[in-house]
Every structure is written in C-alpha cells, then in structure tokens.
Amino acid sequence: NLLAANVAGPFQRYTIDTIVNPTDLAFEH
C-alpha cells in the first residue's frame, strides 16, 4: 500500500476479489 503523506494508523484492512470478463480484454498471439 502507498499511503499519502501524513496518513497514519490505526487502519482496517479489506480484501478485494475481482473478476474481469475476458471478452473485454485484448489478447494477442
């Protein structure tokens, strides 16, 4: 994580699980 200047704890942590539809990405050989 890249905190902005002067940002300090305490923090709470969150998980982010993402699925991208492959039809929207460009695959190349």
mmCIF file of all heavy atoms, coordinates in Angstrom:
data_MODEL
# 
_entry.id   MODEL 
# 
loop_
_atom_site.group_PDB 
_atom_site.id 
_atom_site.type_symbol 
_atom_site.label_atom_id 
_atom_site.label_alt_id 
_atom_site.label_comp_id 
_atom_site.label_asym_id 
_atom_site.label_entity_id 
_atom_site.label_seq_id 
_atom_site.pdbx_PDB_ins_code 
_atom_site.Cartn_x 
_atom_site.Cartn_y 
_atom_site.Cartn_z 
_atom_site.occupancy 
_atom_site.B_iso_or_equiv 
_atom_site.pdbx_formal_charge 
_atom_site.auth_seq_id 
_atom_site.auth_comp_id 
_atom_site.auth_asym_id 
_atom_site.auth_atom_id 
_atom_site.pdbx_PDB_model_num 
ATOM 1   N N   . ASN A 1 1  ? 0.841   -1.198  0.000   1.00 0.00 ? 1  ASN A N   1 
ATOM 2   C CA  . ASN A 1 1  ? 0.000   0.000   0.000   1.00 0.00 ? 1  ASN A CA  1 
ATOM 3   C C   . ASN A 1 1  ? 0.872   1.241   0.000   1.00 0.00 ? 1  ASN A C   1 
ATOM 4   O O   . ASN A 1 1  ? 1.931   1.278   0.641   1.00 0.00 ? 1  ASN A O   1 
ATOM 5   C CB  . ASN A 1 1  ? -0.917  0.011   1.227   1.00 0.00 ? 1  ASN A CB  1 
ATOM 6   C CG  . ASN A 1 1  ? -2.108  -0.928  1.099   1.00 0.00 ? 1  ASN A CG  1 
ATOM 7   O OD1 . ASN A 1 1  ? -3.163  -0.660  1.639   1.00 0.00 ? 1  ASN A OD1 1 
ATOM 8   N ND2 . ASN A 1 1  ? -1.959  -2.029  0.370   1.00 0.00 ? 1  ASN A ND2 1 
ATOM 9   N N   . LEU A 1 2  ? 0.433   2.286   -0.694  1.00 0.00 ? 2  LEU A N   1 
ATOM 10  C CA  . LEU A 1 2  ? 1.182   3.539   -0.814  1.00 0.00 ? 2  LEU A CA  1 
ATOM 11  C C   . LEU A 1 2  ? 0.389   4.644   -0.127  1.00 0.00 ? 2  LEU A C   1 
ATOM 12  O O   . LEU A 1 2  ? -0.520  5.252   -0.716  1.00 0.00 ? 2  LEU A O   1 
ATOM 13  C CB  . LEU A 1 2  ? 1.424   3.873   -2.294  1.00 0.00 ? 2  LEU A CB  1 
ATOM 14  C CG  . LEU A 1 2  ? 2.182   2.799   -3.090  1.00 0.00 ? 2  LEU A CG  1 
ATOM 15  C CD1 . LEU A 1 2  ? 2.208   3.160   -4.573  1.00 0.00 ? 2  LEU A CD1 1 
ATOM 16  C CD2 . LEU A 1 2  ? 3.604   2.648   -2.551  1.00 0.00 ? 2  LEU A CD2 1 
ATOM 17  N N   . LEU A 1 3  ? 0.714   4.892   1.129   1.00 0.00 ? 3  LEU A N   1 
ATOM 18  C CA  . LEU A 1 3  ? -0.003  5.895   1.919   1.00 0.00 ? 3  LEU A CA  1 
ATOM 19  C C   . LEU A 1 3  ? 0.369   7.302   1.494   1.00 0.00 ? 3  LEU A C   1 
ATOM 20  O O   . LEU A 1 3  ? 1.522   7.576   1.147   1.00 0.00 ? 3  LEU A O   1 
ATOM 21  C CB  . LEU A 1 3  ? 0.303   5.708   3.401   1.00 0.00 ? 3  LEU A CB  1 
ATOM 22  C CG  . LEU A 1 3  ? -0.160  4.400   4.050   1.00 0.00 ? 3  LEU A CG  1 
ATOM 23  C CD1 . LEU A 1 3  ? 0.367   4.323   5.475   1.00 0.00 ? 3  LEU A CD1 1 
ATOM 24  C CD2 . LEU A 1 3  ? -1.680  4.296   4.026   1.00 0.00 ? 3  LEU A CD2 1 
ATOM 25  N N   . ALA A 1 4  ? -0.629  8.193   1.524   1.00 0.00 ? 4  ALA A N   1 
ATOM 26  C CA  . ALA A 1 4  ? -0.346  9.604   1.295   1.00 0.00 ? 4  ALA A CA  1 
ATOM 27  C C   . ALA A 1 4  ? 0.405   10.170  2.490   1.00 0.00 ? 4  ALA A C   1 
ATOM 28  O O   . ALA A 1 4  ? 0.403   9.591   3.581   1.00 0.00 ? 4  ALA A O   1 
ATOM 29  C CB  . ALA A 1 4  ? -1.651  10.369  1.065   1.00 0.00 ? 4  ALA A CB  1 
ATOM 30  N N   . ALA A 1 5  ? 1.068   11.299  2.267   1.00 0.00 ? 5  ALA A N   1 
ATOM 31  C CA  . ALA A 1 5  ? 1.832   11.934  3.340   1.00 0.00 ? 5  ALA A CA  1 
ATOM 32  C C   . ALA A 1 5  ? 0.914   12.275  4.515   1.00 0.00 ? 5  ALA A C   1 
ATOM 33  O O   . ALA A 1 5  ? -0.241  12.678  4.328   1.00 0.00 ? 5  ALA A O   1 
ATOM 34  C CB  . ALA A 1 5  ? 2.511   13.201  2.816   1.00 0.00 ? 5  ALA A CB  1 
ATOM 35  N N   . ASN A 1 6  ? 1.433   12.077  5.712   1.00 0.00 ? 6  ASN A N   1 
ATOM 36  C CA  . ASN A 1 6  ? 0.735   12.411  6.954   1.00 0.00 ? 6  ASN A CA  1 
ATOM 37  C C   . ASN A 1 6  ? -0.465  11.508  7.253   1.00 0.00 ? 6  ASN A C   1 
ATOM 38  O O   . ASN A 1 6  ? -1.265  11.830  8.145   1.00 0.00 ? 6  ASN A O   1 
ATOM 39  C CB  . ASN A 1 6  ? 0.275   13.884  6.946   1.00 0.00 ? 6  ASN A CB  1 
ATOM 40  C CG  . ASN A 1 6  ? 1.438   14.839  6.771   1.00 0.00 ? 6  ASN A CG  1 
ATOM 41  O OD1 . ASN A 1 6  ? 2.510   14.630  7.330   1.00 0.00 ? 6  ASN A OD1 1 
ATOM 42  N ND2 . ASN A 1 6  ? 1.227   15.890  5.981   1.00 0.00 ? 6  ASN A ND2 1 
ATOM 43  N N   . VAL A 1 7  ? -0.609  10.418  6.521   1.00 0.00 ? 7  VAL A N   1 
ATOM 44  C CA  . VAL A 1 7  ? -1.679  9.458   6.831   1.00 0.00 ? 7  VAL A CA  1 
ATOM 45  C C   . VAL A 1 7  ? -1.092  8.370   7.726   1.00 0.00 ? 7  VAL A C   1 
ATOM 46  O O   . VAL A 1 7  ? -0.122  7.716   7.370   1.00 0.00 ? 7  VAL A O   1 
ATOM 47  C CB  . VAL A 1 7  ? -2.269  8.834   5.559   1.00 0.00 ? 7  VAL A CB  1 
ATOM 48  C CG1 . VAL A 1 7  ? -3.282  7.743   5.919   1.00 0.00 ? 7  VAL A CG1 1 
ATOM 49  C CG2 . VAL A 1 7  ? -2.935  9.910   4.711   1.00 0.00 ? 7  VAL A CG2 1 
ATOM 50  N N   . ALA A 1 8  ? -1.688  8.199   8.905   1.00 0.00 ? 8  ALA A N   1 
ATOM 51  C CA  . ALA A 1 8  ? -1.179  7.219   9.863   1.00 0.00 ? 8  ALA A CA  1 
ATOM 52  C C   . ALA A 1 8  ? -2.335  6.383   10.413  1.00 0.00 ? 8  ALA A C   1 
ATOM 53  O O   . ALA A 1 8  ? -3.513  6.746   10.260  1.00 0.00 ? 8  ALA A O   1 
ATOM 54  C CB  . ALA A 1 8  ? -0.454  7.929   11.004  1.00 0.00 ? 8  ALA A CB  1 
ATOM 55  N N   . GLY A 1 9  ? -1.993  5.255   11.051  1.00 0.00 ? 9  GLY A N   1 
ATOM 56  C CA  . GLY A 1 9  ? -2.990  4.363   11.600  1.00 0.00 ? 9  GLY A CA  1 
ATOM 57  C C   . GLY A 1 9  ? -3.727  4.982   12.773  1.00 0.00 ? 9  GLY A C   1 
ATOM 58  O O   . GLY A 1 9  ? -3.440  6.123   13.176  1.00 0.00 ? 9  GLY A O   1 
ATOM 59  N N   . PRO A 1 10 ? -4.686  4.260   13.310  1.00 0.00 ? 10 PRO A N   1 
ATOM 60  C CA  . PRO A 1 10 ? -4.989  2.852   13.010  1.00 0.00 ? 10 PRO A CA  1 
ATOM 61  C C   . PRO A 1 10 ? -5.768  2.688   11.699  1.00 0.00 ? 10 PRO A C   1 
ATOM 62  O O   . PRO A 1 10 ? -6.460  3.593   11.265  1.00 0.00 ? 10 PRO A O   1 
ATOM 63  C CB  . PRO A 1 10 ? -5.833  2.421   14.213  1.00 0.00 ? 10 PRO A CB  1 
ATOM 64  C CG  . PRO A 1 10 ? -6.528  3.684   14.640  1.00 0.00 ? 10 PRO A CG  1 
ATOM 65  C CD  . PRO A 1 10 ? -5.520  4.785   14.422  1.00 0.00 ? 10 PRO A CD  1 
ATOM 66  N N   . PHE A 1 11 ? -5.600  1.478   11.121  1.00 0.00 ? 11 PHE A N   1 
ATOM 67  C CA  . PHE A 1 11 ? -6.265  1.155   9.863   1.00 0.00 ? 11 PHE A CA  1 
ATOM 68  C C   . PHE A 1 11 ? -7.166  -0.055  10.056  1.00 0.00 ? 11 PHE A C   1 
ATOM 69  O O   . PHE A 1 11 ? -7.045  -0.799  11.038  1.00 0.00 ? 11 PHE A O   1 
ATOM 70  C CB  . PHE A 1 11 ? -5.238  0.816   8.774   1.00 0.00 ? 11 PHE A CB  1 
ATOM 71  C CG  . PHE A 1 11 ? -4.261  1.914   8.486   1.00 0.00 ? 11 PHE A CG  1 
ATOM 72  C CD1 . PHE A 1 11 ? -2.968  1.875   9.015   1.00 0.00 ? 11 PHE A CD1 1 
ATOM 73  C CD2 . PHE A 1 11 ? -4.615  2.978   7.674   1.00 0.00 ? 11 PHE A CD2 1 
ATOM 74  C CE1 . PHE A 1 11 ? -2.057  2.870   8.747   1.00 0.00 ? 11 PHE A CE1 1 
ATOM 75  C CE2 . PHE A 1 11 ? -3.707  3.992   7.395   1.00 0.00 ? 11 PHE A CE2 1 
ATOM 76  C CZ  . PHE A 1 11 ? -2.417  3.939   7.932   1.00 0.00 ? 11 PHE A CZ  1 
ATOM 77  N N   . GLN A 1 12 ? -8.054  -0.260  9.094   1.00 0.00 ? 12 GLN A N   1 
ATOM 78  C CA  . GLN A 1 12 ? -8.805  -1.506  8.960   1.00 0.00 ? 12 GLN A CA  1 
ATOM 79  C C   . GLN A 1 12 ? -8.535  -2.053  7.568   1.00 0.00 ? 12 GLN A C   1 
ATOM 80  O O   . GLN A 1 12 ? -8.534  -1.301  6.587   1.00 0.00 ? 12 GLN A O   1 
ATOM 81  C CB  . GLN A 1 12 ? -10.305 -1.273  9.169   1.00 0.00 ? 12 GLN A CB  1 
ATOM 82  C CG  . GLN A 1 12 ? -10.654 -0.938  10.620  1.00 0.00 ? 12 GLN A CG  1 
ATOM 83  C CD  . GLN A 1 12 ? -12.113 -0.567  10.788  1.00 0.00 ? 12 GLN A CD  1 
ATOM 84  O OE1 . GLN A 1 12 ? -12.663 0.221   10.027  1.00 0.00 ? 12 GLN A OE1 1 
ATOM 85  N NE2 . GLN A 1 12 ? -12.753 -1.141  11.818  1.00 0.00 ? 12 GLN A NE2 1 
ATOM 86  N N   . ARG A 1 13 ? -8.286  -3.360  7.492   1.00 0.00 ? 13 ARG A N   1 
ATOM 87  C CA  . ARG A 1 13 ? -7.884  -3.963  6.224   1.00 0.00 ? 13 ARG A CA  1 
ATOM 88  C C   . ARG A 1 13 ? -9.086  -4.631  5.531   1.00 0.00 ? 13 ARG A C   1 
ATOM 89  O O   . ARG A 1 13 ? -9.917  -5.261  6.179   1.00 0.00 ? 13 ARG A O   1 
ATOM 90  C CB  . ARG A 1 13 ? -6.780  -4.990  6.455   1.00 0.00 ? 13 ARG A CB  1 
ATOM 91  C CG  . ARG A 1 13 ? -6.197  -5.536  5.155   1.00 0.00 ? 13 ARG A CG  1 
ATOM 92  C CD  . ARG A 1 13 ? -5.131  -6.591  5.403   1.00 0.00 ? 13 ARG A CD  1 
ATOM 93  N NE  . ARG A 1 13 ? -4.019  -6.089  6.211   1.00 0.00 ? 13 ARG A NE  1 
ATOM 94  C CZ  . ARG A 1 13 ? -2.846  -6.688  6.320   1.00 0.00 ? 13 ARG A CZ  1 
ATOM 95  N NH1 . ARG A 1 13 ? -2.636  -7.828  5.637   1.00 0.00 ? 13 ARG A NH1 1 
ATOM 96  N NH2 . ARG A 1 13 ? -1.899  -6.184  7.082   1.00 0.00 ? 13 ARG A NH2 1 
ATOM 97  N N   . TYR A 1 14 ? -9.129  -4.467  4.198   1.00 0.00 ? 14 TYR A N   1 
ATOM 98  C CA  . TYR A 1 14 ? -10.211 -5.046  3.403   1.00 0.00 ? 14 TYR A CA  1 
ATOM 99  C C   . TYR A 1 14 ? -9.620  -5.886  2.269   1.00 0.00 ? 14 TYR A C   1 
ATOM 100 O O   . TYR A 1 14 ? -8.591  -5.522  1.687   1.00 0.00 ? 14 TYR A O   1 
ATOM 101 C CB  . TYR A 1 14 ? -11.116 -3.958  2.819   1.00 0.00 ? 14 TYR A CB  1 
ATOM 102 C CG  . TYR A 1 14 ? -11.857 -3.186  3.891   1.00 0.00 ? 14 TYR A CG  1 
ATOM 103 C CD1 . TYR A 1 14 ? -11.252 -2.093  4.527   1.00 0.00 ? 14 TYR A CD1 1 
ATOM 104 C CD2 . TYR A 1 14 ? -13.128 -3.559  4.295   1.00 0.00 ? 14 TYR A CD2 1 
ATOM 105 C CE1 . TYR A 1 14 ? -11.908 -1.393  5.529   1.00 0.00 ? 14 TYR A CE1 1 
ATOM 106 C CE2 . TYR A 1 14 ? -13.798 -2.863  5.298   1.00 0.00 ? 14 TYR A CE2 1 
ATOM 107 C CZ  . TYR A 1 14 ? -13.185 -1.782  5.906   1.00 0.00 ? 14 TYR A CZ  1 
ATOM 108 O OH  . TYR A 1 14 ? -13.835 -1.098  6.900   1.00 0.00 ? 14 TYR A OH  1 
ATOM 109 N N   . THR A 1 15 ? -10.292 -7.006  1.974   1.00 0.00 ? 15 THR A N   1 
ATOM 110 C CA  . THR A 1 15 ? -9.905  -7.825  0.820   1.00 0.00 ? 15 THR A CA  1 
ATOM 111 C C   . THR A 1 15 ? -10.768 -7.433  -0.372  1.00 0.00 ? 15 THR A C   1 
ATOM 112 O O   . THR A 1 15 ? -11.965 -7.115  -0.227  1.00 0.00 ? 15 THR A O   1 
ATOM 113 C CB  . THR A 1 15 ? -10.096 -9.320  1.109   1.00 0.00 ? 15 THR A CB  1 
ATOM 114 O OG1 . THR A 1 15 ? -11.477 -9.583  1.394   1.00 0.00 ? 15 THR A OG1 1 
ATOM 115 C CG2 . THR A 1 15 ? -9.240  -9.752  2.278   1.00 0.00 ? 15 THR A CG2 1 
ATOM 116 N N   . ILE A 1 16 ? -10.159 -7.446  -1.547  1.00 0.00 ? 16 ILE A N   1 
ATOM 117 C CA  . ILE A 1 16 ? -10.867 -7.125  -2.788  1.00 0.00 ? 16 ILE A CA  1 
ATOM 118 C C   . ILE A 1 16 ? -10.612 -8.259  -3.773  1.00 0.00 ? 16 ILE A C   1 
ATOM 119 O O   . ILE A 1 16 ? -9.479  -8.440  -4.245  1.00 0.00 ? 16 ILE A O   1 
ATOM 120 C CB  . ILE A 1 16 ? -10.385 -5.784  -3.376  1.00 0.00 ? 16 ILE A CB  1 
ATOM 121 C CG1 . ILE A 1 16 ? -10.583 -4.656  -2.361  1.00 0.00 ? 16 ILE A CG1 1 
ATOM 122 C CG2 . ILE A 1 16 ? -11.118 -5.475  -4.685  1.00 0.00 ? 16 ILE A CG2 1 
ATOM 123 C CD1 . ILE A 1 16 ? -9.886  -3.377  -2.740  1.00 0.00 ? 16 ILE A CD1 1 
ATOM 124 N N   . ASP A 1 17 ? -11.635 -9.051  -4.050  1.00 0.00 ? 17 ASP A N   1 
ATOM 125 C CA  . ASP A 1 17 ? -11.549 -10.141 -5.019  1.00 0.00 ? 17 ASP A CA  1 
ATOM 126 C C   . ASP A 1 17 ? -12.355 -9.732  -6.249  1.00 0.00 ? 17 ASP A C   1 
ATOM 127 O O   . ASP A 1 17 ? -13.575 -9.516  -6.159  1.00 0.00 ? 17 ASP A O   1 
ATOM 128 C CB  . ASP A 1 17 ? -12.095 -11.432 -4.428  1.00 0.00 ? 17 ASP A CB  1 
ATOM 129 C CG  . ASP A 1 17 ? -11.196 -11.947 -3.306  1.00 0.00 ? 17 ASP A CG  1 
ATOM 130 O OD1 . ASP A 1 17 ? -10.105 -12.437 -3.620  1.00 0.00 ? 17 ASP A OD1 1 
ATOM 131 O OD2 . ASP A 1 17 ? -11.594 -11.834 -2.123  1.00 0.00 ? 17 ASP A OD2 1 
ATOM 132 N N   . THR A 1 18 ? -11.687 -9.613  -7.378  1.00 0.00 ? 18 THR A N   1 
ATOM 133 C CA  . THR A 1 18 ? -12.314 -9.077  -8.587  1.00 0.00 ? 18 THR A CA  1 
ATOM 134 C C   . THR A 1 18 ? -12.240 -10.084 -9.727  1.00 0.00 ? 18 THR A C   1 
ATOM 135 O O   . THR A 1 18 ? -11.239 -10.796 -9.876  1.00 0.00 ? 18 THR A O   1 
ATOM 136 C CB  . THR A 1 18 ? -11.620 -7.768  -9.004  1.00 0.00 ? 18 THR A CB  1 
ATOM 137 O OG1 . THR A 1 18 ? -11.767 -6.810  -7.951  1.00 0.00 ? 18 THR A OG1 1 
ATOM 138 C CG2 . THR A 1 18 ? -12.228 -7.195  -10.282 1.00 0.00 ? 18 THR A CG2 1 
ATOM 139 N N   . ILE A 1 19 ? -13.290 -10.151 -10.504 1.00 0.00 ? 19 ILE A N   1 
ATOM 140 C CA  . ILE A 1 19 ? -13.327 -10.956 -11.720 1.00 0.00 ? 19 ILE A CA  1 
ATOM 141 C C   . ILE A 1 19 ? -13.623 -10.037 -12.894 1.00 0.00 ? 19 ILE A C   1 
ATOM 142 O O   . ILE A 1 19 ? -14.562 -9.242  -12.855 1.00 0.00 ? 19 ILE A O   1 
ATOM 143 C CB  . ILE A 1 19 ? -14.376 -12.071 -11.620 1.00 0.00 ? 19 ILE A CB  1 
ATOM 144 C CG1 . ILE A 1 19 ? -13.984 -13.055 -10.513 1.00 0.00 ? 19 ILE A CG1 1 
ATOM 145 C CG2 . ILE A 1 19 ? -14.528 -12.799 -12.938 1.00 0.00 ? 19 ILE A CG2 1 
ATOM 146 C CD1 . ILE A 1 19 ? -14.926 -14.220 -10.357 1.00 0.00 ? 19 ILE A CD1 1 
ATOM 147 N N   . VAL A 1 20 ? -12.782 -10.132 -13.924 1.00 0.00 ? 20 VAL A N   1 
ATOM 148 C CA  . VAL A 1 20 ? -12.919 -9.346  -15.146 1.00 0.00 ? 20 VAL A CA  1 
ATOM 149 C C   . VAL A 1 20 ? -13.434 -10.251 -16.256 1.00 0.00 ? 20 VAL A C   1 
ATOM 150 O O   . VAL A 1 20 ? -12.962 -11.383 -16.415 1.00 0.00 ? 20 VAL A O   1 
ATOM 151 C CB  . VAL A 1 20 ? -11.564 -8.724  -15.548 1.00 0.00 ? 20 VAL A CB  1 
ATOM 152 C CG1 . VAL A 1 20 ? -11.683 -7.984  -16.871 1.00 0.00 ? 20 VAL A CG1 1 
ATOM 153 C CG2 . VAL A 1 20 ? -11.071 -7.786  -14.454 1.00 0.00 ? 20 VAL A CG2 1 
ATOM 154 N N   . ASN A 1 21 ? -14.390 -9.767  -17.026 1.00 0.00 ? 21 ASN A N   1 
ATOM 155 C CA  . ASN A 1 21 ? -14.876 -10.538 -18.167 1.00 0.00 ? 21 ASN A CA  1 
ATOM 156 C C   . ASN A 1 21 ? -13.804 -10.552 -19.251 1.00 0.00 ? 21 ASN A C   1 
ATOM 157 O O   . ASN A 1 21 ? -13.439 -9.501  -19.775 1.00 0.00 ? 21 ASN A O   1 
ATOM 158 C CB  . ASN A 1 21 ? -16.163 -9.905  -18.701 1.00 0.00 ? 21 ASN A CB  1 
ATOM 159 C CG  . ASN A 1 21 ? -16.874 -10.800 -19.698 1.00 0.00 ? 21 ASN A CG  1 
ATOM 160 O OD1 . ASN A 1 21 ? -16.281 -11.720 -20.257 1.00 0.00 ? 21 ASN A OD1 1 
ATOM 161 N ND2 . ASN A 1 21 ? -18.140 -10.529 -19.914 1.00 0.00 ? 21 ASN A ND2 1 
ATOM 162 N N   . PRO A 1 22 ? -13.276 -11.725 -19.639 1.00 0.00 ? 22 PRO A N   1 
ATOM 163 C CA  . PRO A 1 22 ? -12.199 -11.765 -20.635 1.00 0.00 ? 22 PRO A CA  1 
ATOM 164 C C   . PRO A 1 22 ? -12.600 -11.207 -21.992 1.00 0.00 ? 22 PRO A C   1 
ATOM 165 O O   . PRO A 1 22 ? -11.741 -10.793 -22.767 1.00 0.00 ? 22 PRO A O   1 
ATOM 166 C CB  . PRO A 1 22 ? -11.863 -13.264 -20.734 1.00 0.00 ? 22 PRO A CB  1 
ATOM 167 C CG  . PRO A 1 22 ? -12.364 -13.858 -19.469 1.00 0.00 ? 22 PRO A CG  1 
ATOM 168 C CD  . PRO A 1 22 ? -13.577 -13.065 -19.098 1.00 0.00 ? 22 PRO A CD  1 
ATOM 169 N N   . THR A 1 23 ? -13.904 -11.182 -22.298 1.00 0.00 ? 23 THR A N   1 
ATOM 170 C CA  . THR A 1 23 ? -14.323 -10.671 -23.607 1.00 0.00 ? 23 THR A CA  1 
ATOM 171 C C   . THR A 1 23 ? -14.009 -9.186  -23.771 1.00 0.00 ? 23 THR A C   1 
ATOM 172 O O   . THR A 1 23 ? -14.013 -8.667  -24.894 1.00 0.00 ? 23 THR A O   1 
ATOM 173 C CB  . THR A 1 23 ? -15.831 -10.874 -23.814 1.00 0.00 ? 23 THR A CB  1 
ATOM 174 O OG1 . THR A 1 23 ? -16.555 -10.155 -22.818 1.00 0.00 ? 23 THR A OG1 1 
ATOM 175 C CG2 . THR A 1 23 ? -16.192 -12.340 -23.754 1.00 0.00 ? 23 THR A CG2 1 
ATOM 176 N N   . ASP A 1 24 ? -13.747 -8.493  -22.656 1.00 0.00 ? 24 ASP A N   1 
ATOM 177 C CA  . ASP A 1 24 ? -13.471 -7.053  -22.723 1.00 0.00 ? 24 ASP A CA  1 
ATOM 178 C C   . ASP A 1 24 ? -11.984 -6.734  -22.806 1.00 0.00 ? 24 ASP A C   1 
ATOM 179 O O   . ASP A 1 24 ? -11.613 -5.559  -22.881 1.00 0.00 ? 24 ASP A O   1 
ATOM 180 C CB  . ASP A 1 24 ? -14.073 -6.356  -21.502 1.00 0.00 ? 24 ASP A CB  1 
ATOM 181 C CG  . ASP A 1 24 ? -15.587 -6.437  -21.483 1.00 0.00 ? 24 ASP A CG  1 
ATOM 182 O OD1 . ASP A 1 24 ? -16.182 -6.488  -22.570 1.00 0.00 ? 24 ASP A OD1 1 
ATOM 183 O OD2 . ASP A 1 24 ? -16.170 -6.462  -20.377 1.00 0.00 ? 24 ASP A OD2 1 
ATOM 184 N N   . LEU A 1 25 ? -11.119 -7.761  -22.752 1.00 0.00 ? 25 LEU A N   1 
ATOM 185 C CA  . LEU A 1 25 ? -9.678  -7.552  -22.833 1.00 0.00 ? 25 LEU A CA  1 
ATOM 186 C C   . LEU A 1 25 ? -9.163  -7.965  -24.206 1.00 0.00 ? 25 LEU A C   1 
ATOM 187 O O   . LEU A 1 25 ? -9.767  -8.805  -24.883 1.00 0.00 ? 25 LEU A O   1 
ATOM 188 C CB  . LEU A 1 25 ? -8.953  -8.353  -21.743 1.00 0.00 ? 25 LEU A CB  1 
ATOM 189 C CG  . LEU A 1 25 ? -9.311  -8.025  -20.293 1.00 0.00 ? 25 LEU A CG  1 
ATOM 190 C CD1 . LEU A 1 25 ? -8.552  -8.958  -19.357 1.00 0.00 ? 25 LEU A CD1 1 
ATOM 191 C CD2 . LEU A 1 25 ? -9.019  -6.571  -19.970 1.00 0.00 ? 25 LEU A CD2 1 
ATOM 192 N N   . ALA A 1 26 ? -8.049  -7.398  -24.614 1.00 0.00 ? 26 ALA A N   1 
ATOM 193 C CA  . ALA A 1 26 ? -7.435  -7.719  -25.906 1.00 0.00 ? 26 ALA A CA  1 
ATOM 194 C C   . ALA A 1 26 ? -6.309  -8.719  -25.694 1.00 0.00 ? 26 ALA A C   1 
ATOM 195 O O   . ALA A 1 26 ? -5.302  -8.399  -25.078 1.00 0.00 ? 26 ALA A O   1 
ATOM 196 C CB  . ALA A 1 26 ? -6.903  -6.449  -26.571 1.00 0.00 ? 26 ALA A CB  1 
ATOM 197 N N   . PHE A 1 27 ? -6.492  -9.921  -26.193 1.00 0.00 ? 27 PHE A N   1 
ATOM 198 C CA  . PHE A 1 27 ? -5.449  -10.943 -26.153 1.00 0.00 ? 27 PHE A CA  1 
ATOM 199 C C   . PHE A 1 27 ? -4.716  -10.955 -27.494 1.00 0.00 ? 27 PHE A C   1 
ATOM 200 O O   . PHE A 1 27 ? -5.334  -10.859 -28.559 1.00 0.00 ? 27 PHE A O   1 
ATOM 201 C CB  . PHE A 1 27 ? -6.044  -12.326 -25.880 1.00 0.00 ? 27 PHE A CB  1 
ATOM 202 C CG  . PHE A 1 27 ? -6.429  -12.544 -24.450 1.00 0.00 ? 27 PHE A CG  1 
ATOM 203 C CD1 . PHE A 1 27 ? -7.634  -12.081 -23.965 1.00 0.00 ? 27 PHE A CD1 1 
ATOM 204 C CD2 . PHE A 1 27 ? -5.567  -13.185 -23.582 1.00 0.00 ? 27 PHE A CD2 1 
ATOM 205 C CE1 . PHE A 1 27 ? -7.990  -12.277 -22.638 1.00 0.00 ? 27 PHE A CE1 1 
ATOM 206 C CE2 . PHE A 1 27 ? -5.915  -13.398 -22.254 1.00 0.00 ? 27 PHE A CE2 1 
ATOM 207 C CZ  . PHE A 1 27 ? -7.125  -12.935 -21.780 1.00 0.00 ? 27 PHE A CZ  1 
ATOM 208 N N   . GLU A 1 28 ? -3.397  -11.082 -27.433 1.00 0.00 ? 28 GLU A N   1 
ATOM 209 C CA  . GLU A 1 28 ? -2.579  -11.091 -28.640 1.00 0.00 ? 28 GLU A CA  1 
ATOM 210 C C   . GLU A 1 28 ? -1.775  -12.384 -28.701 1.00 0.00 ? 28 GLU A C   1 
ATOM 211 O O   . GLU A 1 28 ? -1.366  -12.933 -27.674 1.00 0.00 ? 28 GLU A O   1 
ATOM 212 C CB  . GLU A 1 28 ? -1.638  -9.880  -28.648 1.00 0.00 ? 28 GLU A CB  1 
ATOM 213 C CG  . GLU A 1 28 ? -2.385  -8.557  -28.637 1.00 0.00 ? 28 GLU A CG  1 
ATOM 214 C CD  . GLU A 1 28 ? -1.435  -7.380  -28.500 1.00 0.00 ? 28 GLU A CD  1 
ATOM 215 O OE1 . GLU A 1 28 ? -0.381  -7.541  -27.843 1.00 0.00 ? 28 GLU A OE1 1 
ATOM 216 O OE2 . GLU A 1 28 ? -1.735  -6.318  -29.056 1.00 0.00 ? 28 GLU A OE2 1 
ATOM 217 N N   . HIS A 1 29 ? -1.512  -12.855 -29.908 1.00 0.00 ? 29 HIS A N   1 
ATOM 218 C CA  . HIS A 1 29 ? -0.703  -14.060 -30.092 1.00 0.00 ? 29 HIS A CA  1 
ATOM 219 C C   . HIS A 1 29 ? 0.766   -13.762 -29.778 1.00 0.00 ? 29 HIS A C   1 
ATOM 220 O O   . HIS A 1 29 ? 1.316   -12.750 -30.205 1.00 0.00 ? 29 HIS A O   1 
ATOM 221 C CB  . HIS A 1 29 ? -0.817  -14.551 -31.529 1.00 0.00 ? 29 HIS A CB  1 
ATOM 222 C CG  . HIS A 1 29 ? -2.128  -15.212 -31.824 1.00 0.00 ? 29 HIS A CG  1 
ATOM 223 N ND1 . HIS A 1 29 ? -2.438  -16.480 -31.384 1.00 0.00 ? 29 HIS A ND1 1 
ATOM 224 C CD2 . HIS A 1 29 ? -3.211  -14.773 -32.497 1.00 0.00 ? 29 HIS A CD2 1 
ATOM 225 C CE1 . HIS A 1 29 ? -3.648  -16.798 -31.785 1.00 0.00 ? 29 HIS A CE1 1 
ATOM 226 N NE2 . HIS A 1 29 ? -4.147  -15.776 -32.469 1.00 0.00 ? 29 HIS A NE2 1 
# 
